[in-house]
């Protein structure tokens, strides 16, 4: 494995996601390298579509040329997967991970299909629409990460998808106001309309109580997905189970902090501190240990989104 490709990916994860970076330290070396390389490609694609740098610094004119940028991402991704290498370290990382973990090419393409929903400014009328979007931009990432960890059983991959969906629902809830400022609305109409909102004006703080109620609805929807994901830990290798349990606790805590902050939550970005992350890592050790004695099938997936197969 080229040290330069891994090193470049390490920089991306440290700067792009402190939450996942903290959890990724628990993986064995090979699994960590593959996970951070996959993350780097996902982060790059997301930034290209959103006109951001590592998830920040939103460009005012990011919509200009967005469709062309998507087509370029699709072309570069397809070429890297077909040829098994690329000049760009980001796409070289994807090619190597896909080859080593035997990730079907349809999975990276599903992620790009999720970004196409952003390009098309898809309207989300129902929670089911949001779950479909969440699978494509996050659930499938969970599937690919699980495959890196050696998972192949479809039922286990379903649980991995559930965790990605839970993460995305949490992100949507946390970022309602920031997304609206960039012209993006992921809260479904069936949630907004009963709260008296036909549109979101992020600068109208009179809307914030209703927006917080909408966020709570999304966080409630995420809970069964977090529960399902916990049931999948038993099928992962020990260190991978520990890392995923830590990521699960960190992201779920973001939702809990958003709940307790009330309508003023968007005064500042909701996040967890370094000390809190260390605490979650310790608790996750117990989660992973408990999973060794639990049956992964003990929590049914009834009523949850079913990913494409």
C-alpha atoms as a PDB file:
ATOM      1  CA  UNK A   1       0.000   0.000   0.000  1.00  0.00           C
ATOM      2  CA  UNK A   2       1.429   3.371  -0.985  1.00  0.00           C
ATOM      3  CA  UNK A   3       2.248   5.368   2.131  1.00  0.00           C
ATOM      4  CA  UNK A   4       1.452   8.598   0.290  1.00  0.00           C
ATOM      5  CA  UNK A   5      -2.091   7.471  -0.501  1.00  0.00           C
ATOM      6  CA  UNK A   6      -2.756   6.430   3.090  1.00  0.00           C
ATOM      7  CA  UNK A   7      -1.098   9.563   4.479  1.00  0.00           C
ATOM      8  CA  UNK A   8      -3.202  11.837   2.294  1.00  0.00           C
ATOM      9  CA  UNK A   9      -6.330  10.006   3.442  1.00  0.00           C
ATOM     10  CA  UNK A  10      -5.293  10.355   7.096  1.00  0.00           C
ATOM     11  CA  UNK A  11      -5.143  14.138   6.681  1.00  0.00           C
ATOM     12  CA  UNK A  12      -8.660  14.163   5.231  1.00  0.00           C
ATOM     13  CA  UNK A  13     -10.217  12.176   8.067  1.00  0.00           C
ATOM     14  CA  UNK A  14      -8.459  14.199  10.791  1.00  0.00           C
ATOM     15  CA  UNK A  15      -9.727  17.450   9.327  1.00  0.00           C
ATOM     16  CA  UNK A  16     -13.063  16.235   7.976  1.00  0.00           C
ATOM     17  CA  UNK A  17     -14.528  14.166  10.807  1.00  0.00           C
ATOM     18  CA  UNK A  18     -13.160  14.284  14.336  1.00  0.00           C
ATOM     19  CA  UNK A  19     -15.891  11.863  15.426  1.00  0.00           C
ATOM     20  CA  UNK A  20     -15.015   9.117  12.954  1.00  0.00           C
ATOM     21  CA  UNK A  21     -11.284   9.801  13.270  1.00  0.00           C
ATOM     22  CA  UNK A  22     -11.492   9.095  17.008  1.00  0.00           C
ATOM     23  CA  UNK A  23     -13.282   5.798  16.452  1.00  0.00           C
ATOM     24  CA  UNK A  24     -11.019   4.766  13.555  1.00  0.00           C
ATOM     25  CA  UNK A  25      -7.991   4.651  15.872  1.00  0.00           C
ATOM     26  CA  UNK A  26      -9.423   1.454  17.335  1.00  0.00           C
ATOM     27  CA  UNK A  27      -9.202  -0.534  14.089  1.00  0.00           C
ATOM     28  CA  UNK A  28      -6.294  -2.828  13.303  1.00  0.00           C
ATOM     29  CA  UNK A  29      -3.789  -1.199  10.930  1.00  0.00           C
ATOM     30  CA  UNK A  30      -5.017  -2.713   7.660  1.00  0.00           C
ATOM     31  CA  UNK A  31      -8.697  -2.093   8.422  1.00  0.00           C
ATOM     32  CA  UNK A  32      -7.925   1.472   9.505  1.00  0.00           C
ATOM     33  CA  UNK A  33      -5.971   2.189   6.318  1.00  0.00           C
ATOM     34  CA  UNK A  34      -8.821   0.934   4.152  1.00  0.00           C
ATOM     35  CA  UNK A  35     -11.498   2.770   6.135  1.00  0.00           C
ATOM     36  CA  UNK A  36      -9.701   6.109   6.038  1.00  0.00           C
ATOM     37  CA  UNK A  37      -9.048   5.725   2.302  1.00  0.00           C
ATOM     38  CA  UNK A  38     -12.713   5.005   1.630  1.00  0.00           C
ATOM     39  CA  UNK A  39     -13.638   7.966   3.829  1.00  0.00           C
ATOM     40  CA  UNK A  40     -11.267  10.212   1.857  1.00  0.00           C
ATOM     41  CA  UNK A  41     -12.964   9.338  -1.429  1.00  0.00           C
ATOM     42  CA  UNK A  42     -16.445   9.829   0.061  1.00  0.00           C
ATOM     43  CA  UNK A  43     -15.422  13.170   1.589  1.00  0.00           C
ATOM     44  CA  UNK A  44     -13.905  14.328  -1.705  1.00  0.00           C
ATOM     45  CA  UNK A  45     -17.057  13.514  -3.664  1.00  0.00           C
ATOM     46  CA  UNK A  46     -19.260  15.231  -1.083  1.00  0.00           C
ATOM     47  CA  UNK A  47     -17.075  18.353  -1.138  1.00  0.00           C
ATOM     48  CA  UNK A  48     -17.031  18.500  -4.939  1.00  0.00           C
ATOM     49  CA  UNK A  49     -20.831  18.398  -5.085  1.00  0.00           C
ATOM     50  CA  UNK A  50     -21.434  20.780  -2.171  1.00  0.00           C
ATOM     51  CA  UNK A  51     -18.711  23.256  -3.053  1.00  0.00           C
ATOM     52  CA  UNK A  52     -17.006  22.855   0.322  1.00  0.00           C
ATOM     53  CA  UNK A  53     -13.605  22.029   1.752  1.00  0.00           C
ATOM     54  CA  UNK A  54     -13.698  19.085   4.142  1.00  0.00           C
ATOM     55  CA  UNK A  55     -17.351  19.806   4.850  1.00  0.00           C
ATOM     56  CA  UNK A  56     -16.833  23.502   5.591  1.00  0.00           C
ATOM     57  CA  UNK A  57     -16.526  26.898   3.868  1.00  0.00           C
ATOM     58  CA  UNK A  58     -19.620  26.744   1.679  1.00  0.00           C
ATOM     59  CA  UNK A  59     -19.111  28.464  -1.688  1.00  0.00           C
ATOM     60  CA  UNK A  60     -21.915  30.882  -2.499  1.00  0.00           C
ATOM     61  CA  UNK A  61     -22.074  29.778  -6.144  1.00  0.00           C
ATOM     62  CA  UNK A  62     -21.731  26.032  -5.529  1.00  0.00           C
ATOM     63  CA  UNK A  63     -24.731  25.284  -7.754  1.00  0.00           C
ATOM     64  CA  UNK A  64     -22.886  26.617 -10.806  1.00  0.00           C
ATOM     65  CA  UNK A  65     -21.380  23.707 -12.723  1.00  0.00           C
ATOM     66  CA  UNK A  66     -22.640  21.194 -10.169  1.00  0.00           C
ATOM     67  CA  UNK A  67     -24.026  18.773 -12.757  1.00  0.00           C
ATOM     68  CA  UNK A  68     -20.763  18.822 -14.703  1.00  0.00           C
ATOM     69  CA  UNK A  69     -18.795  18.152 -11.519  1.00  0.00           C
ATOM     70  CA  UNK A  70     -21.024  15.166 -10.780  1.00  0.00           C
ATOM     71  CA  UNK A  71     -20.467  13.747 -14.253  1.00  0.00           C
ATOM     72  CA  UNK A  72     -16.710  14.149 -13.782  1.00  0.00           C
ATOM     73  CA  UNK A  73     -16.860  12.306 -10.464  1.00  0.00           C
ATOM     74  CA  UNK A  74     -18.816   9.476 -12.078  1.00  0.00           C
ATOM     75  CA  UNK A  75     -16.309   9.216 -14.928  1.00  0.00           C
ATOM     76  CA  UNK A  76     -13.265   9.239 -12.632  1.00  0.00           C
ATOM     77  CA  UNK A  77     -14.853   6.727 -10.265  1.00  0.00           C
ATOM     78  CA  UNK A  78     -15.837   4.346 -13.051  1.00  0.00           C
ATOM     79  CA  UNK A  79     -12.339   4.589 -14.547  1.00  0.00           C
ATOM     80  CA  UNK A  80     -10.628   3.895 -11.225  1.00  0.00           C
ATOM     81  CA  UNK A  81     -12.854   0.898 -10.512  1.00  0.00           C
ATOM     82  CA  UNK A  82     -12.444  -0.519 -14.015  1.00  0.00           C
ATOM     83  CA  UNK A  83      -8.678  -0.028 -14.279  1.00  0.00           C
ATOM     84  CA  UNK A  84      -7.759  -0.618 -10.647  1.00  0.00           C
ATOM     85  CA  UNK A  85      -5.603   2.487 -10.393  1.00  0.00           C
ATOM     86  CA  UNK A  86      -5.695   6.247 -10.854  1.00  0.00           C
ATOM     87  CA  UNK A  87      -3.297   9.168 -10.943  1.00  0.00           C
ATOM     88  CA  UNK A  88      -5.288  11.110  -8.340  1.00  0.00           C
ATOM     89  CA  UNK A  89      -4.539   9.725  -4.820  1.00  0.00           C
ATOM     90  CA  UNK A  90      -8.215  10.016  -3.856  1.00  0.00           C
ATOM     91  CA  UNK A  91      -9.363   7.744  -6.664  1.00  0.00           C
ATOM     92  CA  UNK A  92      -6.316   5.521  -6.243  1.00  0.00           C
ATOM     93  CA  UNK A  93      -7.460   4.999  -2.660  1.00  0.00           C
ATOM     94  CA  UNK A  94     -10.917   3.946  -3.821  1.00  0.00           C
ATOM     95  CA  UNK A  95      -9.493   1.565  -6.427  1.00  0.00           C
ATOM     96  CA  UNK A  96      -7.263  -0.162  -3.881  1.00  0.00           C
ATOM     97  CA  UNK A  97      -9.941  -0.461  -1.230  1.00  0.00           C
ATOM     98  CA  UNK A  98     -12.492  -1.788  -3.710  1.00  0.00           C
ATOM     99  CA  UNK A  99     -10.042  -4.391  -4.954  1.00  0.00           C
ATOM    100  CA  UNK A 100      -8.796  -5.529  -1.561  1.00  0.00           C
ATOM    101  CA  UNK A 101     -12.242  -5.661   0.099  1.00  0.00           C
ATOM    102  CA  UNK A 102     -13.954  -6.907  -3.086  1.00  0.00           C
ATOM    103  CA  UNK A 103     -16.522  -4.113  -2.933  1.00  0.00           C
ATOM    104  CA  UNK A 104     -18.949  -4.346  -5.870  1.00  0.00           C
ATOM    105  CA  UNK A 105     -18.750  -1.302  -8.129  1.00  0.00           C
ATOM    106  CA  UNK A 106     -22.482  -0.710  -7.686  1.00  0.00           C
ATOM    107  CA  UNK A 107     -21.903   0.502  -4.117  1.00  0.00           C
ATOM    108  CA  UNK A 108     -19.675   3.501  -4.934  1.00  0.00           C
ATOM    109  CA  UNK A 109     -22.122   4.286  -7.738  1.00  0.00           C
ATOM    110  CA  UNK A 110     -25.012   4.223  -5.270  1.00  0.00           C
ATOM    111  CA  UNK A 111     -23.250   6.930  -3.268  1.00  0.00           C
ATOM    112  CA  UNK A 112     -22.889   9.046  -6.395  1.00  0.00           C
ATOM    113  CA  UNK A 113     -26.582   8.451  -7.112  1.00  0.00           C
ATOM    114  CA  UNK A 114     -27.268  10.009  -3.719  1.00  0.00           C
ATOM    115  CA  UNK A 115     -25.246  13.073  -4.687  1.00  0.00           C
ATOM    116  CA  UNK A 116     -27.261  13.219  -7.900  1.00  0.00           C
ATOM    117  CA  UNK A 117     -30.336  13.735  -5.701  1.00  0.00           C
ATOM    118  CA  UNK A 118     -28.638  16.879  -4.361  1.00  0.00           C
ATOM    119  CA  UNK A 119     -27.787  18.050  -7.864  1.00  0.00           C
ATOM    120  CA  UNK A 120     -31.401  17.560  -8.916  1.00  0.00           C
ATOM    121  CA  UNK A 121     -32.601  19.412  -5.774  1.00  0.00           C
ATOM    122  CA  UNK A 122     -34.904  16.515  -4.933  1.00  0.00           C
ATOM    123  CA  UNK A 123     -37.938  17.375  -2.816  1.00  0.00           C
ATOM    124  CA  UNK A 124     -38.507  15.191   0.213  1.00  0.00           C
ATOM    125  CA  UNK A 125     -42.217  14.760   0.801  1.00  0.00           C
ATOM    126  CA  UNK A 126     -42.147  11.788   3.179  1.00  0.00           C
ATOM    127  CA  UNK A 127     -39.833  10.271   5.739  1.00  0.00           C
ATOM    128  CA  UNK A 128     -39.498   7.349   3.342  1.00  0.00           C
ATOM    129  CA  UNK A 129     -37.997   9.742   0.779  1.00  0.00           C
ATOM    130  CA  UNK A 130     -35.474  10.926   3.363  1.00  0.00           C
ATOM    131  CA  UNK A 131     -34.588   7.340   4.293  1.00  0.00           C
ATOM    132  CA  UNK A 132     -33.937   6.573   0.631  1.00  0.00           C
ATOM    133  CA  UNK A 133     -31.629   9.589   0.388  1.00  0.00           C
ATOM    134  CA  UNK A 134     -29.949   8.654   3.675  1.00  0.00           C
ATOM    135  CA  UNK A 135     -29.191   5.173   2.386  1.00  0.00           C
ATOM    136  CA  UNK A 136     -27.598   6.507  -0.759  1.00  0.00           C
ATOM    137  CA  UNK A 137     -25.353   9.078   0.942  1.00  0.00           C
ATOM    138  CA  UNK A 138     -24.598   7.216   4.186  1.00  0.00           C
ATOM    139  CA  UNK A 139     -26.152   3.756   4.475  1.00  0.00           C
ATOM    140  CA  UNK A 140     -24.178   2.442   1.524  1.00  0.00           C
ATOM    141  CA  UNK A 141     -21.017   3.860   3.095  1.00  0.00           C
ATOM    142  CA  UNK A 142     -21.803   1.701   6.130  1.00  0.00           C
ATOM    143  CA  UNK A 143     -22.165  -1.295   3.823  1.00  0.00           C
ATOM    144  CA  UNK A 144     -18.771  -0.639   2.213  1.00  0.00           C
ATOM    145  CA  UNK A 145     -17.119  -0.097   5.598  1.00  0.00           C
ATOM    146  CA  UNK A 146     -18.560  -3.392   6.856  1.00  0.00           C
ATOM    147  CA  UNK A 147     -17.193  -5.169   3.790  1.00  0.00           C
ATOM    148  CA  UNK A 148     -13.748  -3.752   4.598  1.00  0.00           C
ATOM    149  CA  UNK A 149     -14.158  -5.367   8.028  1.00  0.00           C
ATOM    150  CA  UNK A 150     -14.866  -8.722   6.382  1.00  0.00           C
ATOM    151  CA  UNK A 151     -18.677  -8.776   6.520  1.00  0.00           C
ATOM    152  CA  UNK A 152     -20.403 -10.519   3.634  1.00  0.00           C
ATOM    153  CA  UNK A 153     -23.667 -11.802   5.113  1.00  0.00           C
ATOM    154  CA  UNK A 154     -26.544  -9.700   3.770  1.00  0.00           C
ATOM    155  CA  UNK A 155     -28.205  -9.505   7.187  1.00  0.00           C
ATOM    156  CA  UNK A 156     -25.012  -8.041   8.679  1.00  0.00           C
ATOM    157  CA  UNK A 157     -24.714  -5.563   5.819  1.00  0.00           C
ATOM    158  CA  UNK A 158     -28.309  -4.512   6.512  1.00  0.00           C
ATOM    159  CA  UNK A 159     -27.260  -3.607  10.058  1.00  0.00           C
ATOM    160  CA  UNK A 160     -24.306  -1.623   8.713  1.00  0.00           C
ATOM    161  CA  UNK A 161     -26.636   0.258   6.394  1.00  0.00           C
ATOM    162  CA  UNK A 162     -28.895   0.990   9.366  1.00  0.00           C
ATOM    163  CA  UNK A 163     -26.030   2.658  11.220  1.00  0.00           C
ATOM    164  CA  UNK A 164     -25.227   4.868   8.244  1.00  0.00           C
ATOM    165  CA  UNK A 165     -28.893   5.859   7.999  1.00  0.00           C
ATOM    166  CA  UNK A 166     -28.975   6.675  11.728  1.00  0.00           C
ATOM    167  CA  UNK A 167     -25.883   8.864  11.312  1.00  0.00           C
ATOM    168  CA  UNK A 168     -27.437  10.703   8.381  1.00  0.00           C
ATOM    169  CA  UNK A 169     -30.741  11.337  10.153  1.00  0.00           C
ATOM    170  CA  UNK A 170     -28.740  12.756  13.070  1.00  0.00           C
ATOM    171  CA  UNK A 171     -26.720  14.950  10.707  1.00  0.00           C
ATOM    172  CA  UNK A 172     -29.864  16.236   9.003  1.00  0.00           C
ATOM    173  CA  UNK A 173     -31.408  17.110  12.363  1.00  0.00           C
ATOM    174  CA  UNK A 174     -28.268  18.900  13.547  1.00  0.00           C
ATOM    175  CA  UNK A 175     -27.757  20.796  10.273  1.00  0.00           C
ATOM    176  CA  UNK A 176     -31.324  21.948   9.518  1.00  0.00           C
ATOM    177  CA  UNK A 177     -30.445  25.630   9.799  1.00  0.00           C
ATOM    178  CA  UNK A 178     -27.031  25.448   8.091  1.00  0.00           C
ATOM    179  CA  UNK A 179     -28.485  23.400   5.237  1.00  0.00           C
ATOM    180  CA  UNK A 180     -31.340  25.875   4.780  1.00  0.00           C
ATOM    181  CA  UNK A 181     -28.812  28.704   4.522  1.00  0.00           C
ATOM    182  CA  UNK A 182     -27.279  26.838   1.578  1.00  0.00           C
ATOM    183  CA  UNK A 183     -30.687  26.217   0.016  1.00  0.00           C
ATOM    184  CA  UNK A 184     -30.903  22.562   1.033  1.00  0.00           C
ATOM    185  CA  UNK A 185     -33.925  21.100   2.828  1.00  0.00           C
ATOM    186  CA  UNK A 186     -33.931  17.453   3.869  1.00  0.00           C
ATOM    187  CA  UNK A 187     -36.714  17.586   6.457  1.00  0.00           C
ATOM    188  CA  UNK A 188     -39.725  16.002   4.737  1.00  0.00           C
ATOM    189  CA  UNK A 189     -42.858  17.977   4.070  1.00  0.00           C
ATOM    190  CA  UNK A 190     -44.928  15.509   6.082  1.00  0.00           C
ATOM    191  CA  UNK A 191     -42.949  16.634   9.144  1.00  0.00           C
ATOM    192  CA  UNK A 192     -42.751  20.365   8.377  1.00  0.00           C
ATOM    193  CA  UNK A 193     -46.351  21.044   7.300  1.00  0.00           C
ATOM    194  CA  UNK A 194     -48.049  19.874  10.543  1.00  0.00           C
ATOM    195  CA  UNK A 195     -45.655  22.206  12.373  1.00  0.00           C
ATOM    196  CA  UNK A 196     -46.923  25.141  10.347  1.00  0.00           C
ATOM    197  CA  UNK A 197     -43.920  25.436   8.046  1.00  0.00           C
ATOM    198  CA  UNK A 198     -44.205  25.463   4.263  1.00  0.00           C
ATOM    199  CA  UNK A 199     -40.675  26.804   3.836  1.00  0.00           C
ATOM    200  CA  UNK A 200     -37.666  27.196   6.136  1.00  0.00           C
ATOM    201  CA  UNK A 201     -36.261  30.657   6.764  1.00  0.00           C
ATOM    202  CA  UNK A 202     -33.073  29.979   8.756  1.00  0.00           C
ATOM    203  CA  UNK A 203     -32.773  33.617   9.792  1.00  0.00           C
ATOM    204  CA  UNK A 204     -36.274  33.735  11.271  1.00  0.00           C
ATOM    205  CA  UNK A 205     -35.707  32.585  14.818  1.00  0.00           C
ATOM    206  CA  UNK A 206     -39.431  32.423  15.387  1.00  0.00           C
ATOM    207  CA  UNK A 207     -39.248  29.222  13.327  1.00  0.00           C
ATOM    208  CA  UNK A 208     -36.623  27.637  15.536  1.00  0.00           C
ATOM    209  CA  UNK A 209     -39.048  26.041  18.025  1.00  0.00           C
ATOM    210  CA  UNK A 210     -40.871  24.340  15.144  1.00  0.00           C
ATOM    211  CA  UNK A 211     -37.550  23.381  13.537  1.00  0.00           C
ATOM    212  CA  UNK A 212     -36.406  21.858  16.813  1.00  0.00           C
ATOM    213  CA  UNK A 213     -39.618  19.838  16.946  1.00  0.00           C
ATOM    214  CA  UNK A 214     -38.853  18.649  13.415  1.00  0.00           C
ATOM    215  CA  UNK A 215     -35.322  17.716  14.496  1.00  0.00           C
ATOM    216  CA  UNK A 216     -36.751  15.669  17.360  1.00  0.00           C
ATOM    217  CA  UNK A 217     -38.947  13.805  14.888  1.00  0.00           C
ATOM    218  CA  UNK A 218     -35.877  12.882  12.853  1.00  0.00           C
ATOM    219  CA  UNK A 219     -33.947  11.861  15.954  1.00  0.00           C
ATOM    220  CA  UNK A 220     -36.871   9.664  17.020  1.00  0.00           C
ATOM    221  CA  UNK A 221     -36.802   8.076  13.563  1.00  0.00           C
ATOM    222  CA  UNK A 222     -33.062   7.383  13.963  1.00  0.00           C
ATOM    223  CA  UNK A 223     -33.423   5.442  17.222  1.00  0.00           C
ATOM    224  CA  UNK A 224     -34.564   2.073  15.785  1.00  0.00           C
ATOM    225  CA  UNK A 225     -31.700   2.279  13.291  1.00  0.00           C
ATOM    226  CA  UNK A 226     -29.183   2.822  16.097  1.00  0.00           C
ATOM    227  CA  UNK A 227     -30.711  -0.162  17.909  1.00  0.00           C
ATOM    228  CA  UNK A 228     -30.506  -2.338  14.810  1.00  0.00           C
ATOM    229  CA  UNK A 229     -26.871  -1.375  14.269  1.00  0.00           C
ATOM    230  CA  UNK A 230     -25.981  -2.415  17.823  1.00  0.00           C
ATOM    231  CA  UNK A 231     -27.356  -5.864  17.066  1.00  0.00           C
ATOM    232  CA  UNK A 232     -24.878  -6.185  14.203  1.00  0.00           C
ATOM    233  CA  UNK A 233     -21.749  -5.719  16.324  1.00  0.00           C
ATOM    234  CA  UNK A 234     -21.579  -9.427  17.157  1.00  0.00           C
ATOM    235  CA  UNK A 235     -20.729 -10.302  13.560  1.00  0.00           C
ATOM    236  CA  UNK A 236     -17.682  -7.995  13.367  1.00  0.00           C
ATOM    237  CA  UNK A 237     -14.109  -8.746  14.442  1.00  0.00           C
ATOM    238  CA  UNK A 238     -13.398  -7.557  17.975  1.00  0.00           C
ATOM    239  CA  UNK A 239     -11.505  -4.345  17.200  1.00  0.00           C
ATOM    240  CA  UNK A 240     -13.917  -3.431  14.430  1.00  0.00           C
ATOM    241  CA  UNK A 241     -16.868  -3.982  16.754  1.00  0.00           C
ATOM    242  CA  UNK A 242     -15.225  -1.686  19.322  1.00  0.00           C
ATOM    243  CA  UNK A 243     -14.576   1.036  16.738  1.00  0.00           C
ATOM    244  CA  UNK A 244     -18.102   0.912  15.332  1.00  0.00           C
ATOM    245  CA  UNK A 245     -19.614   0.871  18.813  1.00  0.00           C
ATOM    246  CA  UNK A 246     -17.590   4.012  19.604  1.00  0.00           C
ATOM    247  CA  UNK A 247     -18.746   5.784  16.430  1.00  0.00           C
ATOM    248  CA  UNK A 248     -22.330   4.805  17.242  1.00  0.00           C
ATOM    249  CA  UNK A 249     -22.096   6.277  20.744  1.00  0.00           C
ATOM    250  CA  UNK A 250     -20.454   9.510  19.557  1.00  0.00           C
ATOM    251  CA  UNK A 251     -23.000  10.200  16.820  1.00  0.00           C
ATOM    252  CA  UNK A 252     -25.965   9.256  18.964  1.00  0.00           C
ATOM    253  CA  UNK A 253     -24.689  11.644  21.652  1.00  0.00           C
ATOM    254  CA  UNK A 254     -24.785  14.474  19.118  1.00  0.00           C
ATOM    255  CA  UNK A 255     -28.499  13.835  18.744  1.00  0.00           C
ATOM    256  CA  UNK A 256     -28.956  13.710  22.499  1.00  0.00           C
ATOM    257  CA  UNK A 257     -27.199  17.066  22.900  1.00  0.00           C
ATOM    258  CA  UNK A 258     -29.399  18.528  20.181  1.00  0.00           C
ATOM    259  CA  UNK A 259     -32.456  17.281  22.083  1.00  0.00           C
ATOM    260  CA  UNK A 260     -31.408  18.840  25.362  1.00  0.00           C
ATOM    261  CA  UNK A 261     -30.291  22.150  23.809  1.00  0.00           C
ATOM    262  CA  UNK A 262     -33.827  23.053  22.767  1.00  0.00           C
ATOM    263  CA  UNK A 263     -34.667  25.599  20.057  1.00  0.00           C
ATOM    264  CA  UNK A 264     -31.438  27.490  20.754  1.00  0.00           C
ATOM    265  CA  UNK A 265     -29.381  24.514  19.579  1.00  0.00           C
ATOM    266  CA  UNK A 266     -28.352  26.269  16.370  1.00  0.00           C
ATOM    267  CA  UNK A 267     -26.618  29.132  18.163  1.00  0.00           C
ATOM    268  CA  UNK A 268     -23.483  27.021  17.719  1.00  0.00           C
ATOM    269  CA  UNK A 269     -22.625  23.712  16.098  1.00  0.00           C
ATOM    270  CA  UNK A 270     -23.589  20.762  18.272  1.00  0.00           C
ATOM    271  CA  UNK A 271     -20.647  18.430  18.845  1.00  0.00           C
ATOM    272  CA  UNK A 272     -18.964  16.303  21.496  1.00  0.00           C
ATOM    273  CA  UNK A 273     -15.745  17.258  23.284  1.00  0.00           C
ATOM    274  CA  UNK A 274     -12.523  15.287  23.227  1.00  0.00           C
ATOM    275  CA  UNK A 275     -13.075  14.161  26.795  1.00  0.00           C
ATOM    276  CA  UNK A 276     -16.581  12.984  25.959  1.00  0.00           C
ATOM    277  CA  UNK A 277     -15.254  11.031  22.984  1.00  0.00           C
ATOM    278  CA  UNK A 278     -12.767   9.259  25.259  1.00  0.00           C
ATOM    279  CA  UNK A 279     -15.622   8.360  27.587  1.00  0.00           C
ATOM    280  CA  UNK A 280     -17.625   6.948  24.701  1.00  0.00           C
ATOM    281  CA  UNK A 281     -14.628   4.875  23.600  1.00  0.00           C
ATOM    282  CA  UNK A 282     -14.520   3.320  27.081  1.00  0.00           C
ATOM    283  CA  UNK A 283     -18.261   2.615  27.063  1.00  0.00           C
ATOM    284  CA  UNK A 284     -17.973   1.199  23.547  1.00  0.00           C
ATOM    285  CA  UNK A 285     -15.466  -1.346  24.855  1.00  0.00           C
ATOM    286  CA  UNK A 286     -18.248  -2.677  27.068  1.00  0.00           C
ATOM    287  CA  UNK A 287     -20.682  -2.604  24.123  1.00  0.00           C
ATOM    288  CA  UNK A 288     -18.294  -4.660  22.018  1.00  0.00           C
ATOM    289  CA  UNK A 289     -17.684  -7.055  24.894  1.00  0.00           C
ATOM    290  CA  UNK A 290     -21.408  -7.530  25.453  1.00  0.00           C
ATOM    291  CA  UNK A 291     -21.879  -8.223  21.745  1.00  0.00           C
ATOM    292  CA  UNK A 292     -19.680 -11.316  22.062  1.00  0.00           C
ATOM    293  CA  UNK A 293     -22.390 -12.870  24.232  1.00  0.00           C
ATOM    294  CA  UNK A 294     -25.440 -11.614  22.351  1.00  0.00           C
ATOM    295  CA  UNK A 295     -27.308 -12.910  19.344  1.00  0.00           C
ATOM    296  CA  UNK A 296     -27.283 -10.482  16.406  1.00  0.00           C
ATOM    297  CA  UNK A 297     -30.783 -11.588  15.489  1.00  0.00           C
ATOM    298  CA  UNK A 298     -32.271 -10.581  18.836  1.00  0.00           C
ATOM    299  CA  UNK A 299     -33.391  -7.193  17.499  1.00  0.00           C
ATOM    300  CA  UNK A 300     -35.677  -7.601  14.469  1.00  0.00           C
ATOM    301  CA  UNK A 301     -35.519  -5.168  11.587  1.00  0.00           C
ATOM    302  CA  UNK A 302     -39.272  -4.944  11.135  1.00  0.00           C
ATOM    303  CA  UNK A 303     -40.411  -1.706   9.539  1.00  0.00           C
ATOM    304  CA  UNK A 304     -36.928  -0.419   8.734  1.00  0.00           C
ATOM    305  CA  UNK A 305     -35.757   0.772   5.328  1.00  0.00           C
ATOM    306  CA  UNK A 306     -34.643  -2.103   3.121  1.00  0.00           C
ATOM    307  CA  UNK A 307     -31.582  -1.251   1.091  1.00  0.00           C
ATOM    308  CA  UNK A 308     -31.407  -2.267  -2.596  1.00  0.00           C
ATOM    309  CA  UNK A 309     -29.884  -5.676  -3.238  1.00  0.00           C
END
